[in-house]
Amino acid sequence: MDTASALQDAVAERVEHEPVGYSQAVAEGVEHESVGYSQAATERVVVAVVTYNSEPLLPGLLESLPEGMGDVPWELVVADNASSDGSVAVVRELAPEARIVQMGRNAGYAAGVNAAVAAAGPHTAILVLNSDVRLGPGCVPTLLQALREPGTGIAVPRLVDAHGELIASMRREPTLLRALGDAVLGTGRAGRNDALGEMVTDGRRYGSEQTTDWAEGSTQLISAACWRRCGPWDESYFLYSEEVDFGLRARDAGLVTRYVPSAGAVHLEGGSGSSPGLWALLVTNKVRLFRRRHGLARAVPFWLVVLLREASRAALGRQNSRAAVRAMVSPRWLGGRPGPHLLT
């Protein structure tokens, strides 16, 4: 049994709704084998949303979907990581046609995305959305057009925050030199140089369509062919770095991430900076990803540079960095896998 089939079986009993209004004509038009986006395929997008105590954010997201999706056929699948608030009730009320996957526990973001995709009907693309995203008008049709570019596996929009300020969403592959540049120069200055920074921080770069090594994961349109070629998201990361891993695997497979400034969305960004535990998870997963891709010998100096960066900021009183330092030298983290324990 392949991975996709295993995931499909695993979530079958947790899905509350079957597809609504899905026609056999659409099913027969879906292209299943070609790599890249097929213009001949009948377009159908699965919107995959993972919730965990997301009740306050969901109304804004759900209200933005019809205008953001335009005339593209779509299906909403929500994977809920055992929310203790009214997240599921909000989805049932505002999007009664949605399929809901009850994860039964806080299984992590990647696991939720994978479960949502496995529970979906036939589709040509997957739109992964954070609950704090609001799609701009016509966002998805524009991204779908970009997926038709040869060799494109992932398309991402121009993002702004709640105040309309540009979010630097493009990223370069993590390297030791870029980690050192971020540590010594700071993210903003280092990111203006391709060799020295992981985050693309030059605002002028965000005015034109281009490819990037990977992009922040709040709003990503992934072709179904890219998903099949690369496999599901890596659930061992729990939260953070799963989108980095997938984007780099897609690039390794010859499928690029394309930044599309003519498509727009708002990301309220309630995430990585909101708690010391979340920041610690982000930092430790960054090191874990580097080790998996490059081996222990190259990961040790990378770990040291990241540790020194966080330690220098912890010395200035930054609580997030203090949590990251504690996590990076913890035997529990060094010998195990990431998970909710870093959030406590």
C-alpha atoms as a PDB file:
ATOM      1  CA  MET A   1       0.000   0.000   0.000  1.00  0.00           C
ATOM      2  CA  ASP A   2       1.426   3.409  -0.942  1.00  0.00           C
ATOM      3  CA  THR A   3       1.601   6.383   1.428  1.00  0.00           C
ATOM      4  CA  ALA A   4      -1.399   8.150  -0.060  1.00  0.00           C
ATOM      5  CA  SER A   5      -3.555   5.031   0.307  1.00  0.00           C
ATOM      6  CA  ALA A   6      -2.435   4.536   3.879  1.00  0.00           C
ATOM      7  CA  LEU A   7      -3.339   8.109   4.743  1.00  0.00           C
ATOM      8  CA  GLN A   8      -6.705   7.733   3.035  1.00  0.00           C
ATOM      9  CA  ASP A   9      -7.497   4.645   5.101  1.00  0.00           C
ATOM     10  CA  ALA A  10      -6.270   6.262   8.306  1.00  0.00           C
ATOM     11  CA  VAL A  11      -8.654   9.198   8.094  1.00  0.00           C
ATOM     12  CA  ALA A  12     -11.640   7.456   6.545  1.00  0.00           C
ATOM     13  CA  GLU A  13     -13.420   6.924   9.842  1.00  0.00           C
ATOM     14  CA  ARG A  14     -12.824  10.495  11.043  1.00  0.00           C
ATOM     15  CA  VAL A  15     -14.374  12.354   8.112  1.00  0.00           C
ATOM     16  CA  GLU A  16     -17.744  13.885   8.911  1.00  0.00           C
ATOM     17  CA  HIS A  17     -18.882  14.825   5.408  1.00  0.00           C
ATOM     18  CA  GLU A  18     -18.632  13.411   1.933  1.00  0.00           C
ATOM     19  CA  PRO A  19     -17.938  15.795  -0.975  1.00  0.00           C
ATOM     20  CA  VAL A  20     -20.909  18.049  -1.698  1.00  0.00           C
ATOM     21  CA  GLY A  21     -21.905  18.677  -5.302  1.00  0.00           C
ATOM     22  CA  TYR A  22     -19.012  16.754  -6.799  1.00  0.00           C
ATOM     23  CA  SER A  23     -19.797  15.570 -10.316  1.00  0.00           C
ATOM     24  CA  GLN A  24     -18.526  12.508 -12.149  1.00  0.00           C
ATOM     25  CA  ALA A  25     -17.616  14.774 -15.051  1.00  0.00           C
ATOM     26  CA  VAL A  26     -15.117  16.603 -12.865  1.00  0.00           C
ATOM     27  CA  ALA A  27     -13.700  13.323 -11.572  1.00  0.00           C
ATOM     28  CA  GLU A  28     -13.096  12.054 -15.084  1.00  0.00           C
ATOM     29  CA  GLY A  29     -11.377  15.293 -16.072  1.00  0.00           C
ATOM     30  CA  VAL A  30      -8.702  15.207 -13.362  1.00  0.00           C
ATOM     31  CA  GLU A  31      -5.233  14.486 -14.670  1.00  0.00           C
ATOM     32  CA  HIS A  32      -3.573  11.939 -12.381  1.00  0.00           C
ATOM     33  CA  GLU A  33      -0.215  11.070 -13.897  1.00  0.00           C
ATOM     34  CA  SER A  34       1.506  14.078 -15.453  1.00  0.00           C
ATOM     35  CA  VAL A  35       4.052  16.041 -13.430  1.00  0.00           C
ATOM     36  CA  GLY A  36       3.316  19.758 -13.339  1.00  0.00           C
ATOM     37  CA  TYR A  37      -0.029  21.446 -13.776  1.00  0.00           C
ATOM     38  CA  SER A  38      -2.098  20.384 -16.773  1.00  0.00           C
ATOM     39  CA  GLN A  39      -4.221  23.075 -18.379  1.00  0.00           C
ATOM     40  CA  ALA A  40      -6.284  20.313 -19.971  1.00  0.00           C
ATOM     41  CA  ALA A  41      -7.243  18.957 -16.556  1.00  0.00           C
ATOM     42  CA  THR A  42     -10.537  20.066 -15.078  1.00  0.00           C
ATOM     43  CA  GLU A  43      -9.536  22.403 -12.279  1.00  0.00           C
ATOM     44  CA  ARG A  44     -10.562  21.453  -8.783  1.00  0.00           C
ATOM     45  CA  VAL A  45      -8.812  22.707  -5.664  1.00  0.00           C
ATOM     46  CA  VAL A  46      -8.935  21.179  -2.215  1.00  0.00           C
ATOM     47  CA  VAL A  47      -8.607  23.887   0.444  1.00  0.00           C
ATOM     48  CA  ALA A  48      -6.768  22.271   3.368  1.00  0.00           C
ATOM     49  CA  VAL A  49      -7.078  24.088   6.697  1.00  0.00           C
ATOM     50  CA  VAL A  50      -5.689  22.822  10.008  1.00  0.00           C
ATOM     51  CA  THR A  51      -7.312  24.153  13.166  1.00  0.00           C
ATOM     52  CA  TYR A  52      -6.216  24.129  16.783  1.00  0.00           C
ATOM     53  CA  ASN A  53      -8.230  26.455  19.002  1.00  0.00           C
ATOM     54  CA  SER A  54      -8.725  28.720  15.987  1.00  0.00           C
ATOM     55  CA  GLU A  55     -12.274  29.872  16.715  1.00  0.00           C
ATOM     56  CA  PRO A  56     -11.598  33.664  16.614  1.00  0.00           C
ATOM     57  CA  LEU A  57      -9.736  33.441  13.306  1.00  0.00           C
ATOM     58  CA  LEU A  58     -11.965  31.148  11.293  1.00  0.00           C
ATOM     59  CA  PRO A  59     -14.846  33.506  10.390  1.00  0.00           C
ATOM     60  CA  GLY A  60     -12.514  35.878   8.556  1.00  0.00           C
ATOM     61  CA  LEU A  61     -10.840  33.054   6.664  1.00  0.00           C
ATOM     62  CA  LEU A  62     -14.094  31.388   5.661  1.00  0.00           C
ATOM     63  CA  GLU A  63     -15.641  34.674   4.552  1.00  0.00           C
ATOM     64  CA  SER A  64     -12.676  35.350   2.256  1.00  0.00           C
ATOM     65  CA  LEU A  65     -12.789  32.021   0.442  1.00  0.00           C
ATOM     66  CA  PRO A  66     -15.553  32.574  -2.156  1.00  0.00           C
ATOM     67  CA  GLU A  67     -14.023  35.782  -3.503  1.00  0.00           C
ATOM     68  CA  GLY A  68     -10.489  34.437  -3.252  1.00  0.00           C
ATOM     69  CA  MET A  69     -11.356  31.217  -5.095  1.00  0.00           C
ATOM     70  CA  GLY A  70     -13.227  33.016  -7.883  1.00  0.00           C
ATOM     71  CA  ASP A  71     -14.899  30.613 -10.301  1.00  0.00           C
ATOM     72  CA  VAL A  72     -12.531  27.734  -9.541  1.00  0.00           C
ATOM     73  CA  PRO A  73     -14.340  24.592  -8.283  1.00  0.00           C
ATOM     74  CA  TRP A  74     -13.180  23.869  -4.764  1.00  0.00           C
ATOM     75  CA  GLU A  75     -13.754  21.746  -1.702  1.00  0.00           C
ATOM     76  CA  LEU A  76     -12.980  22.756   1.887  1.00  0.00           C
ATOM     77  CA  VAL A  77     -11.471  20.132   4.189  1.00  0.00           C
ATOM     78  CA  VAL A  78     -10.721  21.103   7.794  1.00  0.00           C
ATOM     79  CA  ALA A  79      -8.512  18.902   9.981  1.00  0.00           C
ATOM     80  CA  ASP A  80      -9.067  19.740  13.637  1.00  0.00           C
ATOM     81  CA  ASN A  81      -6.302  18.918  16.112  1.00  0.00           C
ATOM     82  CA  ALA A  82      -8.600  18.311  19.091  1.00  0.00           C
ATOM     83  CA  SER A  83      -9.510  21.967  19.626  1.00  0.00           C
ATOM     84  CA  SER A  84     -10.993  22.739  23.033  1.00  0.00           C
ATOM     85  CA  ASP A  85     -12.812  25.847  21.785  1.00  0.00           C
ATOM     86  CA  GLY A  86     -15.568  26.254  19.219  1.00  0.00           C
ATOM     87  CA  SER A  87     -13.436  25.806  16.089  1.00  0.00           C
ATOM     88  CA  VAL A  88     -15.404  22.852  14.754  1.00  0.00           C
ATOM     89  CA  ALA A  89     -18.729  24.497  15.573  1.00  0.00           C
ATOM     90  CA  VAL A  90     -17.726  27.614  13.630  1.00  0.00           C
ATOM     91  CA  VAL A  91     -16.877  25.529  10.559  1.00  0.00           C
ATOM     92  CA  ARG A  92     -20.146  23.619  10.805  1.00  0.00           C
ATOM     93  CA  GLU A  93     -22.112  26.849  11.053  1.00  0.00           C
ATOM     94  CA  LEU A  94     -20.334  28.975   8.443  1.00  0.00           C
ATOM     95  CA  ALA A  95     -19.248  26.241   6.011  1.00  0.00           C
ATOM     96  CA  PRO A  96     -21.737  23.374   6.390  1.00  0.00           C
ATOM     97  CA  GLU A  97     -20.536  21.815   3.142  1.00  0.00           C
ATOM     98  CA  ALA A  98     -16.987  21.372   4.480  1.00  0.00           C
ATOM     99  CA  ARG A  99     -15.539  18.004   5.270  1.00  0.00           C
ATOM    100  CA  ILE A 100     -14.202  17.858   8.827  1.00  0.00           C
ATOM    101  CA  VAL A 101     -11.484  15.446   9.899  1.00  0.00           C
ATOM    102  CA  GLN A 102     -11.370  14.941  13.658  1.00  0.00           C
ATOM    103  CA  MET A 103      -7.729  14.175  14.454  1.00  0.00           C
ATOM    104  CA  GLY A 104      -8.525  13.148  18.033  1.00  0.00           C
ATOM    105  CA  ARG A 105      -5.349  14.748  19.399  1.00  0.00           C
ATOM    106  CA  ASN A 106      -2.989  17.598  18.673  1.00  0.00           C
ATOM    107  CA  ALA A 107      -1.130  15.698  15.969  1.00  0.00           C
ATOM    108  CA  GLY A 108       0.739  18.689  14.563  1.00  0.00           C
ATOM    109  CA  TYR A 109       0.360  20.881  11.515  1.00  0.00           C
ATOM    110  CA  ALA A 110       1.848  18.541   8.910  1.00  0.00           C
ATOM    111  CA  ALA A 111      -0.294  15.643  10.106  1.00  0.00           C
ATOM    112  CA  GLY A 112      -3.370  17.826   9.777  1.00  0.00           C
ATOM    113  CA  VAL A 113      -2.470  18.880   6.244  1.00  0.00           C
ATOM    114  CA  ASN A 114      -1.833  15.275   5.236  1.00  0.00           C
ATOM    115  CA  ALA A 115      -5.123  14.114   6.743  1.00  0.00           C
ATOM    116  CA  ALA A 116      -7.049  16.871   4.961  1.00  0.00           C
ATOM    117  CA  VAL A 117      -5.512  15.976   1.608  1.00  0.00           C
ATOM    118  CA  ALA A 118      -6.131  12.260   2.151  1.00  0.00           C
ATOM    119  CA  ALA A 119      -9.790  12.929   2.975  1.00  0.00           C
ATOM    120  CA  ALA A 120     -10.404  15.125  -0.072  1.00  0.00           C
ATOM    121  CA  GLY A 121     -12.047  14.168  -3.312  1.00  0.00           C
ATOM    122  CA  PRO A 122     -10.152  14.170  -6.635  1.00  0.00           C
ATOM    123  CA  HIS A 123      -8.310  17.437  -7.206  1.00  0.00           C
ATOM    124  CA  THR A 124      -5.719  19.090  -9.399  1.00  0.00           C
ATOM    125  CA  ALA A 125      -4.230  21.317  -6.703  1.00  0.00           C
ATOM    126  CA  ILE A 126      -4.048  21.728  -2.939  1.00  0.00           C
ATOM    127  CA  LEU A 127      -4.388  25.112  -1.256  1.00  0.00           C
ATOM    128  CA  VAL A 128      -2.801  24.961   2.204  1.00  0.00           C
ATOM    129  CA  LEU A 129      -4.070  27.832   4.348  1.00  0.00           C
ATOM    130  CA  ASN A 130      -3.435  28.969   7.895  1.00  0.00           C
ATOM    131  CA  SER A 131      -6.559  29.997   9.767  1.00  0.00           C
ATOM    132  CA  ASP A 132      -5.186  33.551  10.071  1.00  0.00           C
ATOM    133  CA  VAL A 133      -5.075  34.076   6.288  1.00  0.00           C
ATOM    134  CA  ARG A 134      -7.569  36.158   4.302  1.00  0.00           C
ATOM    135  CA  LEU A 135      -7.479  35.583   0.555  1.00  0.00           C
ATOM    136  CA  GLY A 136      -7.552  38.565  -1.754  1.00  0.00           C
ATOM    137  CA  PRO A 137     -10.007  38.698  -4.686  1.00  0.00           C
ATOM    138  CA  GLY A 138      -9.051  36.281  -7.452  1.00  0.00           C
ATOM    139  CA  CYS A 139      -6.017  35.010  -5.577  1.00  0.00           C
ATOM    140  CA  VAL A 140      -6.401  31.343  -6.440  1.00  0.00           C
ATOM    141  CA  PRO A 141      -7.192  31.666 -10.175  1.00  0.00           C
ATOM    142  CA  THR A 142      -4.032  33.760 -10.483  1.00  0.00           C
ATOM    143  CA  LEU A 143      -1.975  31.162  -8.622  1.00  0.00           C
ATOM    144  CA  LEU A 144      -3.442  28.393 -10.772  1.00  0.00           C
ATOM    145  CA  GLN A 145      -2.270  30.239 -13.850  1.00  0.00           C
ATOM    146  CA  ALA A 146       1.237  30.335 -12.378  1.00  0.00           C
ATOM    147  CA  LEU A 147       1.157  26.576 -11.772  1.00  0.00           C
ATOM    148  CA  ARG A 148       0.926  26.141 -15.539  1.00  0.00           C
ATOM    149  CA  GLU A 149       4.446  27.488 -15.944  1.00  0.00           C
ATOM    150  CA  PRO A 150       6.714  24.564 -16.873  1.00  0.00           C
ATOM    151  CA  GLY A 151       8.397  22.959 -13.889  1.00  0.00           C
ATOM    152  CA  THR A 152       6.300  24.798 -11.285  1.00  0.00           C
ATOM    153  CA  GLY A 153       5.065  22.726  -8.355  1.00  0.00           C
ATOM    154  CA  ILE A 154       4.119  25.391  -5.798  1.00  0.00           C
ATOM    155  CA  ALA A 155       2.725  28.907  -6.234  1.00  0.00           C
ATOM    156  CA  VAL A 156       2.543  31.515  -3.469  1.00  0.00           C
ATOM    157  CA  PRO A 157       1.012  35.015  -3.373  1.00  0.00           C
ATOM    158  CA  ARG A 158       2.237  38.384  -2.205  1.00  0.00           C
ATOM    159  CA  LEU A 159       1.458  38.601   1.504  1.00  0.00           C
ATOM    160  CA  VAL A 160       0.766  41.628   3.652  1.00  0.00           C
ATOM    161  CA  ASP A 161       0.056  41.856   7.371  1.00  0.00           C
ATOM    162  CA  ALA A 162      -3.029  43.239   9.084  1.00  0.00           C
ATOM    163  CA  HIS A 163      -1.719  46.790   8.530  1.00  0.00           C
ATOM    164  CA  GLY A 164      -1.064  46.286   4.821  1.00  0.00           C
ATOM    165  CA  GLU A 165       2.708  46.053   5.237  1.00  0.00           C
ATOM    166  CA  LEU A 166       4.616  43.659   2.986  1.00  0.00           C
ATOM    167  CA  ILE A 167       5.582  40.336   4.564  1.00  0.00           C
ATOM    168  CA  ALA A 168       8.967  39.014   3.457  1.00  0.00           C
ATOM    169  CA  SER A 169       7.768  35.539   2.526  1.00  0.00           C
ATOM    170  CA  MET A 170      10.437  34.269   0.113  1.00  0.00           C
ATOM    171  CA  ARG A 171      13.237  32.145   1.498  1.00  0.00           C
ATOM    172  CA  ARG A 172      16.606  30.762   0.436  1.00  0.00           C
ATOM    173  CA  GLU A 173      17.887  27.325   1.351  1.00  0.00           C
ATOM    174  CA  PRO A 174      19.449  27.281   4.843  1.00  0.00           C
ATOM    175  CA  THR A 175      23.259  27.181   4.781  1.00  0.00           C
ATOM    176  CA  LEU A 176      25.971  27.642   7.378  1.00  0.00           C
ATOM    177  CA  LEU A 177      26.998  30.961   5.812  1.00  0.00           C
ATOM    178  CA  ARG A 178      23.423  32.244   5.858  1.00  0.00           C
ATOM    179  CA  ALA A 179      22.997  31.192   9.480  1.00  0.00           C
ATOM    180  CA  LEU A 180      26.196  33.074  10.287  1.00  0.00           C
ATOM    181  CA  GLY A 181      25.018  36.111   8.337  1.00  0.00           C
ATOM    182  CA  ASP A 182      21.727  36.165  10.228  1.00  0.00           C
ATOM    183  CA  ALA A 183      23.592  35.839  13.533  1.00  0.00           C
ATOM    184  CA  VAL A 184      26.155  38.578  12.872  1.00  0.00           C
ATOM    185  CA  LEU A 185      24.282  41.054  10.673  1.00  0.00           C
ATOM    186  CA  GLY A 186      20.697  40.397  11.707  1.00  0.00           C
ATOM    187  CA  THR A 187      17.967  38.981   9.504  1.00  0.00           C
ATOM    188  CA  GLY A 188      17.072  42.273   7.808  1.00  0.00           C
ATOM    189  CA  ARG A 189      20.576  43.225   6.677  1.00  0.00           C
ATOM    190  CA  ALA A 190      21.737  39.703   5.863  1.00  0.00           C
ATOM    191  CA  GLY A 191      18.631  38.982   3.817  1.00  0.00           C
ATOM    192  CA  ARG A 192      19.470  41.682   1.285  1.00  0.00           C
ATOM    193  CA  ASN A 193      22.402  39.547   0.128  1.00  0.00           C
ATOM    194  CA  ASP A 194      21.685  36.224  -1.585  1.00  0.00           C
ATOM    195  CA  ALA A 195      24.669  34.516   0.024  1.00  0.00           C
ATOM    196  CA  LEU A 196      24.283  35.859   3.551  1.00  0.00           C
ATOM    197  CA  GLY A 197      20.612  35.602   4.493  1.00  0.00           C
ATOM    198  CA  GLU A 198      17.891  32.978   4.392  1.00  0.00           C
ATOM    199  CA  MET A 199      14.977  35.417   4.282  1.00  0.00           C
ATOM    200  CA  VAL A 200      14.662  37.614   1.183  1.00  0.00           C
ATOM    201  CA  THR A 201      14.291  41.032   2.821  1.00  0.00           C
ATOM    202  CA  ASP A 202      14.845  43.398  -0.118  1.00  0.00           C
ATOM    203  CA  GLY A 203      11.353  44.770  -0.731  1.00  0.00           C
ATOM    204  CA  ARG A 204      12.154  45.499  -4.371  1.00  0.00           C
ATOM    205  CA  ARG A 205      12.372  41.771  -5.031  1.00  0.00           C
ATOM    206  CA  TYR A 206       8.697  41.387  -4.190  1.00  0.00           C
ATOM    207  CA  GLY A 207       7.499  43.440  -7.134  1.00  0.00           C
ATOM    208  CA  SER A 208       8.124  40.820  -9.811  1.00  0.00           C
ATOM    209  CA  GLU A 209       7.249  37.180 -10.370  1.00  0.00           C
ATOM    210  CA  GLN A 210      10.165  34.841  -9.675  1.00  0.00           C
ATOM    211  CA  THR A 211      11.159  31.481  -8.290  1.00  0.00           C
ATOM    212  CA  THR A 212      12.414  30.956  -4.758  1.00  0.00           C
ATOM    213  CA  ASP A 213      13.925  28.014  -2.873  1.00  0.00           C
ATOM    214  CA  TRP A 214      10.897  27.877  -0.587  1.00  0.00           C
ATOM    215  CA  ALA A 215       8.300  30.212   0.883  1.00  0.00           C
ATOM    216  CA  GLU A 216       6.579  30.660   4.226  1.00  0.00           C
ATOM    217  CA  GLY A 217       3.800  28.142   4.518  1.00  0.00           C
ATOM    218  CA  SER A 218       0.658  30.094   5.408  1.00  0.00           C
ATOM    219  CA  THR A 219      -0.663  30.258   1.838  1.00  0.00           C
ATOM    220  CA  GLN A 220       0.615  27.716  -0.668  1.00  0.00           C
ATOM    221  CA  LEU A 221      -0.998  26.302  -3.792  1.00  0.00           C
ATOM    222  CA  ILE A 222       0.571  22.928  -4.577  1.00  0.00           C
ATOM    223  CA  SER A 223      -0.142  20.995  -7.750  1.00  0.00           C
ATOM    224  CA  ALA A 224      -1.465  17.490  -7.170  1.00  0.00           C
ATOM    225  CA  ALA A 225       1.323  16.195  -9.391  1.00  0.00           C
ATOM    226  CA  CYS A 226       3.912  17.851  -7.147  1.00  0.00           C
ATOM    227  CA  TRP A 227       2.279  16.259  -4.105  1.00  0.00           C
ATOM    228  CA  ARG A 228       2.395  12.826  -5.730  1.00  0.00           C
ATOM    229  CA  ARG A 229       6.019  13.194  -6.742  1.00  0.00           C
ATOM    230  CA  CYS A 230       7.240  14.519  -3.367  1.00  0.00           C
ATOM    231  CA  GLY A 231       4.942  12.633  -1.023  1.00  0.00           C
ATOM    232  CA  PRO A 232       3.098  14.069   1.992  1.00  0.00           C
ATOM    233  CA  TRP A 233       4.457  16.605   4.449  1.00  0.00           C
ATOM    234  CA  ASP A 234       6.869  15.238   7.048  1.00  0.00           C
ATOM    235  CA  GLU A 235       4.852  14.811  10.240  1.00  0.00           C
ATOM    236  CA  SER A 236       7.926  14.366  12.445  1.00  0.00           C
ATOM    237  CA  TYR A 237       8.424  18.149  12.562  1.00  0.00           C
ATOM    238  CA  PHE A 238       5.074  18.616  14.356  1.00  0.00           C
ATOM    239  CA  LEU A 239       5.098  22.376  13.683  1.00  0.00           C
ATOM    240  CA  TYR A 240       7.524  24.561  11.675  1.00  0.00           C
ATOM    241  CA  SER A 241      10.018  23.434   9.008  1.00  0.00           C
ATOM    242  CA  GLU A 242       7.515  21.048   7.420  1.00  0.00           C
ATOM    243  CA  GLU A 243       6.931  23.585   4.642  1.00  0.00           C
ATOM    244  CA  VAL A 244      10.693  24.125   4.285  1.00  0.00           C
ATOM    245  CA  ASP A 245      11.233  20.402   3.932  1.00  0.00           C
ATOM    246  CA  PHE A 246       8.460  20.047   1.351  1.00  0.00           C
ATOM    247  CA  GLY A 247       9.580  23.063  -0.680  1.00  0.00           C
ATOM    248  CA  LEU A 248      13.165  21.831  -0.813  1.00  0.00           C
ATOM    249  CA  ARG A 249      12.068  18.298  -1.693  1.00  0.00           C
ATOM    250  CA  ALA A 250       9.999  19.739  -4.531  1.00  0.00           C
ATOM    251  CA  ARG A 251      12.988  21.734  -5.743  1.00  0.00           C
ATOM    252  CA  ASP A 252      15.193  18.636  -5.515  1.00  0.00           C
ATOM    253  CA  ALA A 253      12.618  16.848  -7.685  1.00  0.00           C
ATOM    254  CA  GLY A 254      12.812  19.601 -10.315  1.00  0.00           C
ATOM    255  CA  LEU A 255       9.656  21.500  -9.307  1.00  0.00           C
ATOM    256  CA  VAL A 256      10.096  25.120  -8.283  1.00  0.00           C
ATOM    257  CA  THR A 257       8.210  27.394  -5.914  1.00  0.00           C
ATOM    258  CA  ARG A 258       6.936  30.423  -7.832  1.00  0.00           C
ATOM    259  CA  TYR A 259       6.230  33.758  -6.122  1.00  0.00           C
ATOM    260  CA  VAL A 260       3.293  35.541  -7.798  1.00  0.00           C
ATOM    261  CA  PRO A 261       2.858  39.199  -6.744  1.00  0.00           C
ATOM    262  CA  SER A 262      -0.314  39.620  -8.797  1.00  0.00           C
ATOM    263  CA  ALA A 263      -2.033  37.253  -6.349  1.00  0.00           C
ATOM    264  CA  GLY A 264      -2.562  38.681  -2.891  1.00  0.00           C
ATOM    265  CA  ALA A 265      -3.509  37.601   0.619  1.00  0.00           C
ATOM    266  CA  VAL A 266      -3.394  38.934   4.161  1.00  0.00           C
ATOM    267  CA  HIS A 267      -1.581  36.953   6.845  1.00  0.00           C
ATOM    268  CA  LEU A 268      -2.345  38.141  10.347  1.00  0.00           C
ATOM    269  CA  GLU A 269       0.791  36.357  11.611  1.00  0.00           C
ATOM    270  CA  GLY A 270      -0.239  35.153  15.030  1.00  0.00           C
ATOM    271  CA  GLY A 271       2.394  32.441  15.082  1.00  0.00           C
ATOM    272  CA  SER A 272       6.104  32.153  15.635  1.00  0.00           C
ATOM    273  CA  GLY A 273       6.693  35.215  17.758  1.00  0.00           C
ATOM    274  CA  SER A 274       3.712  34.744  20.032  1.00  0.00           C
ATOM    275  CA  SER A 275       5.257  32.507  22.691  1.00  0.00           C
ATOM    276  CA  PRO A 276       8.677  31.265  23.835  1.00  0.00           C
ATOM    277  CA  GLY A 277       7.604  27.672  23.232  1.00  0.00           C
ATOM    278  CA  LEU A 278       6.671  28.298  19.612  1.00  0.00           C
ATOM    279  CA  TRP A 279       9.927  30.128  18.971  1.00  0.00           C
ATOM    280  CA  ALA A 280      11.911  27.269  20.539  1.00  0.00           C
ATOM    281  CA  LEU A 281      10.132  24.812  18.263  1.00  0.00           C
ATOM    282  CA  LEU A 282      10.867  26.936  15.200  1.00  0.00           C
ATOM    283  CA  VAL A 283      14.580  27.184  16.036  1.00  0.00           C
ATOM    284  CA  THR A 284      15.110  23.536  16.963  1.00  0.00           C
ATOM    285  CA  ASN A 285      13.310  22.302  13.862  1.00  0.00           C
ATOM    286  CA  LYS A 286      15.520  24.533  11.727  1.00  0.00           C
ATOM    287  CA  VAL A 287      18.559  22.655  13.049  1.00  0.00           C
ATOM    288  CA  ARG A 288      16.828  19.290  12.727  1.00  0.00           C
ATOM    289  CA  LEU A 289      16.033  19.946   9.070  1.00  0.00           C
ATOM    290  CA  PHE A 290      19.624  20.952   8.339  1.00  0.00           C
ATOM    291  CA  ARG A 291      20.951  17.773   9.939  1.00  0.00           C
ATOM    292  CA  ARG A 292      18.596  15.574   7.969  1.00  0.00           C
ATOM    293  CA  ARG A 293      19.633  17.146   4.695  1.00  0.00           C
ATOM    294  CA  HIS A 294      23.366  17.465   5.322  1.00  0.00           C
ATOM    295  CA  GLY A 295      24.377  14.988   8.022  1.00  0.00           C
ATOM    296  CA  LEU A 296      25.749  15.319  11.532  1.00  0.00           C
ATOM    297  CA  ALA A 297      29.229  16.619  10.658  1.00  0.00           C
ATOM    298  CA  ARG A 298      27.858  19.673   8.852  1.00  0.00           C
ATOM    299  CA  ALA A 299      24.994  20.114  11.292  1.00  0.00           C
ATOM    300  CA  VAL A 300      27.221  20.580  14.352  1.00  0.00           C
ATOM    301  CA  PRO A 301      28.669  23.959  13.255  1.00  0.00           C
ATOM    302  CA  PHE A 302      25.205  24.992  12.037  1.00  0.00           C
ATOM    303  CA  TRP A 303      23.766  24.144  15.476  1.00  0.00           C
ATOM    304  CA  LEU A 304      26.566  26.090  17.152  1.00  0.00           C
ATOM    305  CA  VAL A 305      25.980  29.221  15.050  1.00  0.00           C
ATOM    306  CA  VAL A 306      22.231  29.133  15.685  1.00  0.00           C
ATOM    307  CA  LEU A 307      22.843  28.522  19.393  1.00  0.00           C
ATOM    308  CA  LEU A 308      25.213  31.490  19.629  1.00  0.00           C
ATOM    309  CA  ARG A 309      22.683  33.663  17.808  1.00  0.00           C
ATOM    310  CA  GLU A 310      19.932  32.776  20.262  1.00  0.00           C
ATOM    311  CA  ALA A 311      22.276  33.034  23.260  1.00  0.00           C
ATOM    312  CA  SER A 312      23.320  36.556  22.287  1.00  0.00           C
ATOM    313  CA  ARG A 313      19.692  37.607  22.109  1.00  0.00           C
ATOM    314  CA  ALA A 314      18.868  35.794  25.340  1.00  0.00           C
ATOM    315  CA  ALA A 315      21.592  37.846  27.026  1.00  0.00           C
ATOM    316  CA  LEU A 316      19.624  40.940  26.017  1.00  0.00           C
ATOM    317  CA  GLY A 317      16.607  39.622  27.877  1.00  0.00           C
ATOM    318  CA  ARG A 318      14.592  38.116  25.027  1.00  0.00           C
ATOM    319  CA  GLN A 319      12.412  35.399  26.527  1.00  0.00           C
ATOM    320  CA  ASN A 320      11.862  33.636  23.199  1.00  0.00           C
ATOM    321  CA  SER A 321      15.602  33.215  22.699  1.00  0.00           C
ATOM    322  CA  ARG A 322      16.054  31.992  26.267  1.00  0.00           C
ATOM    323  CA  ALA A 323      13.510  29.268  25.565  1.00  0.00           C
ATOM    324  CA  ALA A 324      15.294  28.379  22.330  1.00  0.00           C
ATOM    325  CA  VAL A 325      18.657  28.053  24.097  1.00  0.00           C
ATOM    326  CA  ARG A 326      17.172  25.794  26.757  1.00  0.00           C
ATOM    327  CA  ALA A 327      15.592  23.617  24.087  1.00  0.00           C
ATOM    328  CA  MET A 328      18.748  23.390  21.977  1.00  0.00           C
ATOM    329  CA  VAL A 329      20.844  22.040  24.858  1.00  0.00           C
ATOM    330  CA  SER A 330      18.113  19.842  26.311  1.00  0.00           C
ATOM    331  CA  PRO A 331      18.875  16.092  26.247  1.00  0.00           C
ATOM    332  CA  ARG A 332      15.185  15.531  25.559  1.00  0.00           C
ATOM    333  CA  TRP A 333      15.417  17.476  22.312  1.00  0.00           C
ATOM    334  CA  LEU A 334      18.880  16.282  21.307  1.00  0.00           C
ATOM    335  CA  GLY A 335      17.834  12.671  21.649  1.00  0.00           C
ATOM    336  CA  GLY A 336      14.217  12.764  20.560  1.00  0.00           C
ATOM    337  CA  ARG A 337      11.755  14.227  18.124  1.00  0.00           C
ATOM    338  CA  PRO A 338       9.950  17.557  18.320  1.00  0.00           C
ATOM    339  CA  GLY A 339       6.490  17.830  19.714  1.00  0.00           C
ATOM    340  CA  PRO A 340       4.125  19.605  22.079  1.00  0.00           C
ATOM    341  CA  HIS A 341       6.535  19.271  25.022  1.00  0.00           C
ATOM    342  CA  LEU A 342       8.428  22.295  23.661  1.00  0.00           C
ATOM    343  CA  LEU A 343       5.277  24.384  24.001  1.00  0.00           C
ATOM    344  CA  THR A 344       5.073  23.929  27.762  1.00  0.00           C
END
